[in-house]
Amino acid sequence: MIEDPLHPTTAELSLEVETGTGALRLDLTRRLTAEALGTAFLIVAVIGSGIMASQLSPTDVGLQLLENAAATAGALIGLILMFGAVSGAHFNPVVTLTDRMLGTTTTSESLMYITAQVAGGCFGAVVANLMFELPTIEWSAKERSSPALWLSEVVATVGLLLVIQGCVRTGRTRAVPFAVGAWIGGAYWFTSSTSFANPAVTVARTLSDSFAGIAPSSAPMFILMQLVGMVATFGLIRLFYPTPDPETPDD
């Protein structure tokens, strides 16, 4: 999610090919590993806190949601601070695809990022299940299917991407971890879908029949609506932030 000034850009990395492909491969490997591990940790936080909330507050769904939202928002802040300078801390295919649409990354790197994110997310779901002595993979039976939920995913995705790009393109990258954590924590409550806003997270959450799960049959429409939100946001980014503002001092 963060483009760190100390982290080499795609253009800078291409120059390394002339002097040695080893450095380039090493850099890409560590970035993909960071994306996979970061997404895994994110899913552990989402599913794990949902399971714990169900155990601690079995009769109070509102309290369960509060606990789940707080844990997810806190984990996101920590993870973006942890991996932002390594991979950009996307942890989300729509974030990666938005960067591709804006021309700040390549198609091949985007595909590798997305593969790492989905794989890491699925691994995180398995780990979360095992931490609470649940089956390694337990397909979710929680149906989430209605026009209201689908609209919520568009809204949640548009807001998330605007928060990220609004900070990055106005020179406030240091605010991204806290802005993203605040948006997701809030969107848990003001969207009827509880703000998935992430195709990799959506896929991973089908693997746990718990508070945070989603039935496999419901996942495709959630992902489609997230992609719709991404396309809509691209136009809004061009409208609000037509060019990055490198002159704006970072807060």
C-alpha atoms as a PDB file:
ATOM      1  CA  MET A   1       0.000   0.000   0.000  1.00  0.00           C
ATOM      2  CA  ILE A   2       2.952   2.326   0.502  1.00  0.00           C
ATOM      3  CA  GLU A   3       5.492   3.403  -2.071  1.00  0.00           C
ATOM      4  CA  ASP A   4       8.535   4.034   0.129  1.00  0.00           C
ATOM      5  CA  PRO A   5      11.145   6.466  -1.213  1.00  0.00           C
ATOM      6  CA  LEU A   6      13.884   4.102  -0.073  1.00  0.00           C
ATOM      7  CA  HIS A   7      12.346   1.172  -1.946  1.00  0.00           C
ATOM      8  CA  PRO A   8      13.437   0.866  -5.585  1.00  0.00           C
ATOM      9  CA  THR A   9      10.825   1.539  -8.237  1.00  0.00           C
ATOM     10  CA  THR A  10      10.165  -0.840 -11.120  1.00  0.00           C
ATOM     11  CA  ALA A  11      12.161   1.421 -13.432  1.00  0.00           C
ATOM     12  CA  GLU A  12      15.118   1.451 -11.047  1.00  0.00           C
ATOM     13  CA  LEU A  13      14.973  -2.297 -10.666  1.00  0.00           C
ATOM     14  CA  SER A  14      15.116  -2.757 -14.431  1.00  0.00           C
ATOM     15  CA  LEU A  15      18.487  -1.016 -14.431  1.00  0.00           C
ATOM     16  CA  GLU A  16      19.846  -3.714 -12.141  1.00  0.00           C
ATOM     17  CA  VAL A  17      19.368  -6.287 -14.885  1.00  0.00           C
ATOM     18  CA  GLU A  18      22.308  -4.780 -16.725  1.00  0.00           C
ATOM     19  CA  THR A  19      24.626  -5.172 -13.736  1.00  0.00           C
ATOM     20  CA  GLY A  20      23.328  -8.455 -12.357  1.00  0.00           C
ATOM     21  CA  THR A  21      20.034 -10.319 -12.283  1.00  0.00           C
ATOM     22  CA  GLY A  22      20.783 -11.779  -8.853  1.00  0.00           C
ATOM     23  CA  ALA A  23      19.921  -8.574  -7.009  1.00  0.00           C
ATOM     24  CA  LEU A  24      16.716  -8.226  -9.006  1.00  0.00           C
ATOM     25  CA  ARG A  25      15.622 -11.787  -8.249  1.00  0.00           C
ATOM     26  CA  LEU A  26      16.435 -11.356  -4.575  1.00  0.00           C
ATOM     27  CA  ASP A  27      14.453  -8.144  -4.351  1.00  0.00           C
ATOM     28  CA  LEU A  28      11.424  -9.686  -6.078  1.00  0.00           C
ATOM     29  CA  THR A  29      11.632 -12.774  -3.892  1.00  0.00           C
ATOM     30  CA  ARG A  30      11.612 -10.786  -0.682  1.00  0.00           C
ATOM     31  CA  ARG A  31       8.740  -8.607  -1.918  1.00  0.00           C
ATOM     32  CA  LEU A  32       6.610 -11.609  -2.863  1.00  0.00           C
ATOM     33  CA  THR A  33       7.420 -13.294   0.434  1.00  0.00           C
ATOM     34  CA  ALA A  34       6.401 -10.139   2.289  1.00  0.00           C
ATOM     35  CA  GLU A  35       3.110 -10.013   0.386  1.00  0.00           C
ATOM     36  CA  ALA A  36       2.367 -13.676   1.108  1.00  0.00           C
ATOM     37  CA  LEU A  37       3.304 -13.482   4.787  1.00  0.00           C
ATOM     38  CA  GLY A  38       1.567 -10.155   5.313  1.00  0.00           C
ATOM     39  CA  THR A  39      -1.664 -11.424   3.763  1.00  0.00           C
ATOM     40  CA  ALA A  40      -1.400 -14.599   5.850  1.00  0.00           C
ATOM     41  CA  PHE A  41      -1.066 -12.553   9.040  1.00  0.00           C
ATOM     42  CA  LEU A  42      -4.007 -10.401   7.980  1.00  0.00           C
ATOM     43  CA  ILE A  43      -6.215 -13.457   7.534  1.00  0.00           C
ATOM     44  CA  VAL A  44      -5.036 -14.905  10.829  1.00  0.00           C
ATOM     45  CA  ALA A  45      -6.174 -11.660  12.445  1.00  0.00           C
ATOM     46  CA  VAL A  46      -9.538 -11.591  10.658  1.00  0.00           C
ATOM     47  CA  ILE A  47     -10.494 -15.234  11.173  1.00  0.00           C
ATOM     48  CA  GLY A  48      -8.733 -15.737  14.496  1.00  0.00           C
ATOM     49  CA  SER A  49     -10.338 -12.702  16.122  1.00  0.00           C
ATOM     50  CA  GLY A  50     -13.719 -13.765  14.750  1.00  0.00           C
ATOM     51  CA  ILE A  51     -13.393 -17.189  16.335  1.00  0.00           C
ATOM     52  CA  MET A  52     -12.151 -15.737  19.618  1.00  0.00           C
ATOM     53  CA  ALA A  53     -14.994 -13.186  19.648  1.00  0.00           C
ATOM     54  CA  SER A  54     -17.543 -15.962  19.156  1.00  0.00           C
ATOM     55  CA  GLN A  55     -16.060 -17.853  22.098  1.00  0.00           C
ATOM     56  CA  LEU A  56     -15.783 -14.860  24.434  1.00  0.00           C
ATOM     57  CA  SER A  57     -19.119 -13.235  23.563  1.00  0.00           C
ATOM     58  CA  PRO A  58     -21.304 -16.100  22.328  1.00  0.00           C
ATOM     59  CA  THR A  59     -24.631 -14.295  22.818  1.00  0.00           C
ATOM     60  CA  ASP A  60     -23.706 -10.772  21.703  1.00  0.00           C
ATOM     61  CA  VAL A  61     -23.198 -10.425  17.948  1.00  0.00           C
ATOM     62  CA  GLY A  62     -22.565  -6.691  18.218  1.00  0.00           C
ATOM     63  CA  LEU A  63     -19.718  -7.239  20.659  1.00  0.00           C
ATOM     64  CA  GLN A  64     -18.340  -9.979  18.408  1.00  0.00           C
ATOM     65  CA  LEU A  65     -18.229  -7.542  15.507  1.00  0.00           C
ATOM     66  CA  LEU A  66     -16.559  -4.880  17.641  1.00  0.00           C
ATOM     67  CA  GLU A  67     -13.856  -7.323  18.744  1.00  0.00           C
ATOM     68  CA  ASN A  68     -13.337  -8.571  15.189  1.00  0.00           C
ATOM     69  CA  ALA A  69     -13.143  -5.027  13.777  1.00  0.00           C
ATOM     70  CA  ALA A  70     -10.721  -3.781  16.436  1.00  0.00           C
ATOM     71  CA  ALA A  71      -8.356  -6.727  15.992  1.00  0.00           C
ATOM     72  CA  THR A  72      -8.391  -6.435  12.203  1.00  0.00           C
ATOM     73  CA  ALA A  73      -7.792  -2.672  12.202  1.00  0.00           C
ATOM     74  CA  GLY A  74      -4.943  -2.986  14.693  1.00  0.00           C
ATOM     75  CA  ALA A  75      -3.324  -5.826  12.768  1.00  0.00           C
ATOM     76  CA  LEU A  76      -3.546  -3.869   9.509  1.00  0.00           C
ATOM     77  CA  ILE A  77      -1.737  -0.899  10.997  1.00  0.00           C
ATOM     78  CA  GLY A  78       1.033  -3.116  12.320  1.00  0.00           C
ATOM     79  CA  LEU A  79       1.382  -5.110   9.101  1.00  0.00           C
ATOM     80  CA  ILE A  80       1.580  -2.047   6.856  1.00  0.00           C
ATOM     81  CA  LEU A  81       4.240  -0.563   9.141  1.00  0.00           C
ATOM     82  CA  MET A  82       6.033  -3.927   9.117  1.00  0.00           C
ATOM     83  CA  PHE A  83       6.102  -4.572   5.371  1.00  0.00           C
ATOM     84  CA  GLY A  84       5.451  -1.183   3.744  1.00  0.00           C
ATOM     85  CA  ALA A  85       9.125  -0.541   3.014  1.00  0.00           C
ATOM     86  CA  VAL A  86       9.616  -4.079   1.702  1.00  0.00           C
ATOM     87  CA  SER A  87       6.784  -4.736  -0.748  1.00  0.00           C
ATOM     88  CA  GLY A  88       4.502  -1.725  -0.471  1.00  0.00           C
ATOM     89  CA  ALA A  89       2.230  -3.781   1.842  1.00  0.00           C
ATOM     90  CA  HIS A  90      -0.595  -4.292  -0.642  1.00  0.00           C
ATOM     91  CA  PHE A  91      -2.010  -7.550   0.783  1.00  0.00           C
ATOM     92  CA  ASN A  92      -4.908  -7.030  -1.613  1.00  0.00           C
ATOM     93  CA  PRO A  93      -5.283  -7.735  -5.347  1.00  0.00           C
ATOM     94  CA  VAL A  94      -7.409  -4.634  -5.980  1.00  0.00           C
ATOM     95  CA  VAL A  95      -4.637  -2.462  -4.521  1.00  0.00           C
ATOM     96  CA  THR A  96      -2.111  -4.158  -6.804  1.00  0.00           C
ATOM     97  CA  LEU A  97      -4.367  -3.927  -9.862  1.00  0.00           C
ATOM     98  CA  THR A  98      -5.007  -0.241  -9.196  1.00  0.00           C
ATOM     99  CA  ASP A  99      -1.258   0.351  -9.204  1.00  0.00           C
ATOM    100  CA  ARG A 100      -1.071  -1.520 -12.510  1.00  0.00           C
ATOM    101  CA  MET A 101      -3.852   0.624 -13.999  1.00  0.00           C
ATOM    102  CA  LEU A 102      -1.996   3.725 -12.846  1.00  0.00           C
ATOM    103  CA  GLY A 103       1.188   2.463 -14.510  1.00  0.00           C
ATOM    104  CA  THR A 104       3.313   2.204 -11.362  1.00  0.00           C
ATOM    105  CA  THR A 105       4.011  -1.514 -11.720  1.00  0.00           C
ATOM    106  CA  THR A 106       4.189  -4.138 -14.478  1.00  0.00           C
ATOM    107  CA  THR A 107       1.698  -6.808 -15.500  1.00  0.00           C
ATOM    108  CA  SER A 108       4.038  -9.670 -14.607  1.00  0.00           C
ATOM    109  CA  GLU A 109       4.813  -8.266 -11.164  1.00  0.00           C
ATOM    110  CA  SER A 110       1.121  -7.637 -10.541  1.00  0.00           C
ATOM    111  CA  LEU A 111       0.252 -11.235 -11.353  1.00  0.00           C
ATOM    112  CA  MET A 112       3.003 -12.494  -9.056  1.00  0.00           C
ATOM    113  CA  TYR A 113       1.826 -10.199  -6.269  1.00  0.00           C
ATOM    114  CA  ILE A 114      -1.762 -11.428  -6.610  1.00  0.00           C
ATOM    115  CA  THR A 115      -0.667 -15.067  -6.618  1.00  0.00           C
ATOM    116  CA  ALA A 116       1.363 -14.481  -3.449  1.00  0.00           C
ATOM    117  CA  GLN A 117      -1.540 -12.686  -1.787  1.00  0.00           C
ATOM    118  CA  VAL A 118      -4.076 -15.424  -2.504  1.00  0.00           C
ATOM    119  CA  ALA A 119      -1.689 -18.202  -1.506  1.00  0.00           C
ATOM    120  CA  GLY A 120      -0.700 -16.373   1.668  1.00  0.00           C
ATOM    121  CA  GLY A 121      -4.327 -15.700   2.549  1.00  0.00           C
ATOM    122  CA  CYS A 122      -5.294 -19.371   2.179  1.00  0.00           C
ATOM    123  CA  PHE A 123      -2.325 -20.392   4.324  1.00  0.00           C
ATOM    124  CA  GLY A 124      -3.392 -17.872   6.949  1.00  0.00           C
ATOM    125  CA  ALA A 125      -6.898 -19.351   7.041  1.00  0.00           C
ATOM    126  CA  VAL A 126      -5.448 -22.804   7.678  1.00  0.00           C
ATOM    127  CA  VAL A 127      -3.250 -21.460  10.476  1.00  0.00           C
ATOM    128  CA  ALA A 128      -6.180 -19.638  12.091  1.00  0.00           C
ATOM    129  CA  ASN A 129      -8.295 -22.793  12.028  1.00  0.00           C
ATOM    130  CA  LEU A 130      -5.502 -24.856  13.579  1.00  0.00           C
ATOM    131  CA  MET A 131      -4.871 -22.285  16.332  1.00  0.00           C
ATOM    132  CA  PHE A 132      -8.420 -22.837  17.566  1.00  0.00           C
ATOM    133  CA  GLU A 133      -8.423 -26.624  17.088  1.00  0.00           C
ATOM    134  CA  LEU A 134     -10.770 -26.503  14.124  1.00  0.00           C
ATOM    135  CA  PRO A 135     -10.471 -28.632  10.964  1.00  0.00           C
ATOM    136  CA  THR A 136      -7.567 -27.535   8.772  1.00  0.00           C
ATOM    137  CA  ILE A 137      -9.979 -26.588   6.004  1.00  0.00           C
ATOM    138  CA  GLU A 138     -13.662 -26.199   6.795  1.00  0.00           C
ATOM    139  CA  TRP A 139     -15.707 -24.687   3.988  1.00  0.00           C
ATOM    140  CA  SER A 140     -17.850 -21.876   5.289  1.00  0.00           C
ATOM    141  CA  ALA A 141     -21.617 -22.334   5.281  1.00  0.00           C
ATOM    142  CA  LYS A 142     -22.306 -18.619   5.880  1.00  0.00           C
ATOM    143  CA  GLU A 143     -24.287 -17.328   2.914  1.00  0.00           C
ATOM    144  CA  ARG A 144     -23.675 -13.643   2.165  1.00  0.00           C
ATOM    145  CA  SER A 145     -25.771 -12.852  -0.881  1.00  0.00           C
ATOM    146  CA  SER A 146     -28.001  -9.808  -1.454  1.00  0.00           C
ATOM    147  CA  PRO A 147     -27.927  -6.562  -3.450  1.00  0.00           C
ATOM    148  CA  ALA A 148     -27.281  -4.647  -0.223  1.00  0.00           C
ATOM    149  CA  LEU A 149     -24.166  -6.703   0.512  1.00  0.00           C
ATOM    150  CA  TRP A 150     -22.927  -6.338  -3.052  1.00  0.00           C
ATOM    151  CA  LEU A 151     -23.386  -2.563  -2.966  1.00  0.00           C
ATOM    152  CA  SER A 152     -21.549  -2.500   0.367  1.00  0.00           C
ATOM    153  CA  GLU A 153     -18.537  -4.183  -1.220  1.00  0.00           C
ATOM    154  CA  VAL A 154     -18.412  -1.549  -3.958  1.00  0.00           C
ATOM    155  CA  VAL A 155     -18.564   1.227  -1.354  1.00  0.00           C
ATOM    156  CA  ALA A 156     -15.974  -0.411   0.920  1.00  0.00           C
ATOM    157  CA  THR A 157     -13.546  -0.962  -1.963  1.00  0.00           C
ATOM    158  CA  VAL A 158     -13.908   2.551  -3.379  1.00  0.00           C
ATOM    159  CA  GLY A 159     -13.299   4.059   0.044  1.00  0.00           C
ATOM    160  CA  LEU A 160     -10.286   1.889   0.765  1.00  0.00           C
ATOM    161  CA  LEU A 161      -8.565   2.658  -2.531  1.00  0.00           C
ATOM    162  CA  LEU A 162      -9.279   6.386  -2.252  1.00  0.00           C
ATOM    163  CA  VAL A 163      -7.846   6.436   1.267  1.00  0.00           C
ATOM    164  CA  ILE A 164      -4.648   4.783   0.042  1.00  0.00           C
ATOM    165  CA  GLN A 165      -4.202   6.802  -3.137  1.00  0.00           C
ATOM    166  CA  GLY A 166      -5.318  10.005  -1.478  1.00  0.00           C
ATOM    167  CA  CYS A 167      -2.497   9.688   1.022  1.00  0.00           C
ATOM    168  CA  VAL A 168       0.140   8.403  -1.398  1.00  0.00           C
ATOM    169  CA  ARG A 169      -0.540  10.883  -4.193  1.00  0.00           C
ATOM    170  CA  THR A 170      -0.511  13.887  -1.849  1.00  0.00           C
ATOM    171  CA  GLY A 171       2.787  13.028  -0.181  1.00  0.00           C
ATOM    172  CA  ARG A 172       1.395  11.566   3.043  1.00  0.00           C
ATOM    173  CA  THR A 173       2.568   7.963   2.794  1.00  0.00           C
ATOM    174  CA  ARG A 174       3.369   7.807   6.511  1.00  0.00           C
ATOM    175  CA  ALA A 175      -0.321   8.231   7.259  1.00  0.00           C
ATOM    176  CA  VAL A 176      -1.358   5.216   5.158  1.00  0.00           C
ATOM    177  CA  PRO A 177      -1.145   2.529   7.908  1.00  0.00           C
ATOM    178  CA  PHE A 178      -3.358   4.523  10.261  1.00  0.00           C
ATOM    179  CA  ALA A 179      -5.738   5.737   7.559  1.00  0.00           C
ATOM    180  CA  VAL A 180      -6.266   2.208   6.230  1.00  0.00           C
ATOM    181  CA  GLY A 181      -6.717   0.758   9.707  1.00  0.00           C
ATOM    182  CA  ALA A 182      -9.252   3.472  10.563  1.00  0.00           C
ATOM    183  CA  TRP A 183     -11.179   2.991   7.305  1.00  0.00           C
ATOM    184  CA  ILE A 184     -11.427  -0.795   7.609  1.00  0.00           C
ATOM    185  CA  GLY A 185     -12.288  -0.616  11.318  1.00  0.00           C
ATOM    186  CA  GLY A 186     -15.055   1.874  10.577  1.00  0.00           C
ATOM    187  CA  ALA A 187     -16.298   0.106   7.451  1.00  0.00           C
ATOM    188  CA  TYR A 188     -16.837  -3.090   9.456  1.00  0.00           C
ATOM    189  CA  TRP A 189     -19.680  -1.148  11.065  1.00  0.00           C
ATOM    190  CA  PHE A 190     -21.134   1.090   8.379  1.00  0.00           C
ATOM    191  CA  THR A 191     -21.328  -1.523   5.585  1.00  0.00           C
ATOM    192  CA  SER A 192     -23.760  -4.430   5.724  1.00  0.00           C
ATOM    193  CA  SER A 193     -21.090  -6.743   4.283  1.00  0.00           C
ATOM    194  CA  THR A 194     -18.591  -5.862   7.070  1.00  0.00           C
ATOM    195  CA  SER A 195     -16.167  -4.578   4.444  1.00  0.00           C
ATOM    196  CA  PHE A 196     -14.256  -7.455   2.871  1.00  0.00           C
ATOM    197  CA  ALA A 197     -12.942  -5.132   0.082  1.00  0.00           C
ATOM    198  CA  ASN A 198     -10.244  -7.674  -0.804  1.00  0.00           C
ATOM    199  CA  PRO A 199     -10.459 -10.617  -3.245  1.00  0.00           C
ATOM    200  CA  ALA A 200      -7.634 -12.539  -1.539  1.00  0.00           C
ATOM    201  CA  VAL A 201      -9.322 -12.142   1.852  1.00  0.00           C
ATOM    202  CA  THR A 202     -12.633 -13.211   0.325  1.00  0.00           C
ATOM    203  CA  VAL A 203     -11.157 -16.414  -1.080  1.00  0.00           C
ATOM    204  CA  ALA A 204      -9.368 -17.223   2.167  1.00  0.00           C
ATOM    205  CA  ARG A 205     -12.470 -16.678   4.289  1.00  0.00           C
ATOM    206  CA  THR A 206     -14.286 -19.449   2.407  1.00  0.00           C
ATOM    207  CA  LEU A 207     -11.905 -21.908   4.126  1.00  0.00           C
ATOM    208  CA  SER A 208     -13.172 -21.293   7.664  1.00  0.00           C
ATOM    209  CA  ASP A 209     -16.722 -22.024   8.833  1.00  0.00           C
ATOM    210  CA  SER A 210     -16.552 -19.384  11.548  1.00  0.00           C
ATOM    211  CA  PHE A 211     -17.765 -15.875  12.381  1.00  0.00           C
ATOM    212  CA  ALA A 212     -15.690 -14.302   9.583  1.00  0.00           C
ATOM    213  CA  GLY A 213     -16.422 -16.965   6.960  1.00  0.00           C
ATOM    214  CA  ILE A 214     -18.213 -16.650   3.638  1.00  0.00           C
ATOM    215  CA  ALA A 215     -19.743 -19.507   1.668  1.00  0.00           C
ATOM    216  CA  PRO A 216     -17.859 -20.375  -1.529  1.00  0.00           C
ATOM    217  CA  SER A 217     -21.064 -19.778  -3.512  1.00  0.00           C
ATOM    218  CA  SER A 218     -21.204 -16.177  -2.217  1.00  0.00           C
ATOM    219  CA  ALA A 219     -17.562 -15.324  -2.885  1.00  0.00           C
ATOM    220  CA  PRO A 220     -17.644 -14.783  -6.684  1.00  0.00           C
ATOM    221  CA  MET A 221     -20.166 -11.932  -6.508  1.00  0.00           C
ATOM    222  CA  PHE A 222     -18.242 -10.293  -3.657  1.00  0.00           C
ATOM    223  CA  ILE A 223     -15.073 -10.407  -5.754  1.00  0.00           C
ATOM    224  CA  LEU A 224     -16.891  -9.066  -8.817  1.00  0.00           C
ATOM    225  CA  MET A 225     -18.247  -6.121  -6.811  1.00  0.00           C
ATOM    226  CA  GLN A 226     -14.767  -5.416  -5.443  1.00  0.00           C
ATOM    227  CA  LEU A 227     -13.462  -5.270  -9.012  1.00  0.00           C
ATOM    228  CA  VAL A 228     -16.344  -2.959  -9.974  1.00  0.00           C
ATOM    229  CA  GLY A 229     -15.364  -0.709  -7.078  1.00  0.00           C
ATOM    230  CA  MET A 230     -11.753  -0.767  -8.246  1.00  0.00           C
ATOM    231  CA  VAL A 231     -12.665   0.344 -11.782  1.00  0.00           C
ATOM    232  CA  ALA A 232     -14.878   3.123 -10.418  1.00  0.00           C
ATOM    233  CA  THR A 233     -12.084   4.279  -8.123  1.00  0.00           C
ATOM    234  CA  PHE A 234      -9.612   4.507 -11.002  1.00  0.00           C
ATOM    235  CA  GLY A 235     -11.774   7.203 -12.553  1.00  0.00           C
ATOM    236  CA  LEU A 236     -12.087   9.015  -9.233  1.00  0.00           C
ATOM    237  CA  ILE A 237      -8.327   8.929  -8.695  1.00  0.00           C
ATOM    238  CA  ARG A 238      -7.817  10.511 -12.113  1.00  0.00           C
ATOM    239  CA  LEU A 239     -10.388  13.155 -11.191  1.00  0.00           C
ATOM    240  CA  PHE A 240      -9.167  14.001  -7.679  1.00  0.00           C
ATOM    241  CA  TYR A 241      -5.430  13.283  -7.975  1.00  0.00           C
ATOM    242  CA  PRO A 242      -4.510  13.533 -11.670  1.00  0.00           C
ATOM    243  CA  THR A 243      -0.783  13.637 -10.870  1.00  0.00           C
ATOM    244  CA  PRO A 244       1.184  12.719  -7.750  1.00  0.00           C
ATOM    245  CA  ASP A 245       2.355  15.725  -5.745  1.00  0.00           C
ATOM    246  CA  PRO A 246       5.972  15.022  -4.757  1.00  0.00           C
ATOM    247  CA  GLU A 247       6.350  18.575  -3.520  1.00  0.00           C
ATOM    248  CA  THR A 248       3.915  18.046  -0.666  1.00  0.00           C
ATOM    249  CA  PRO A 249       5.902  17.332   2.499  1.00  0.00           C
ATOM    250  CA  ASP A 250       5.184  14.011   4.160  1.00  0.00           C
ATOM    251  CA  ASP A 251       3.517  14.360   7.550  1.00  0.00           C
END
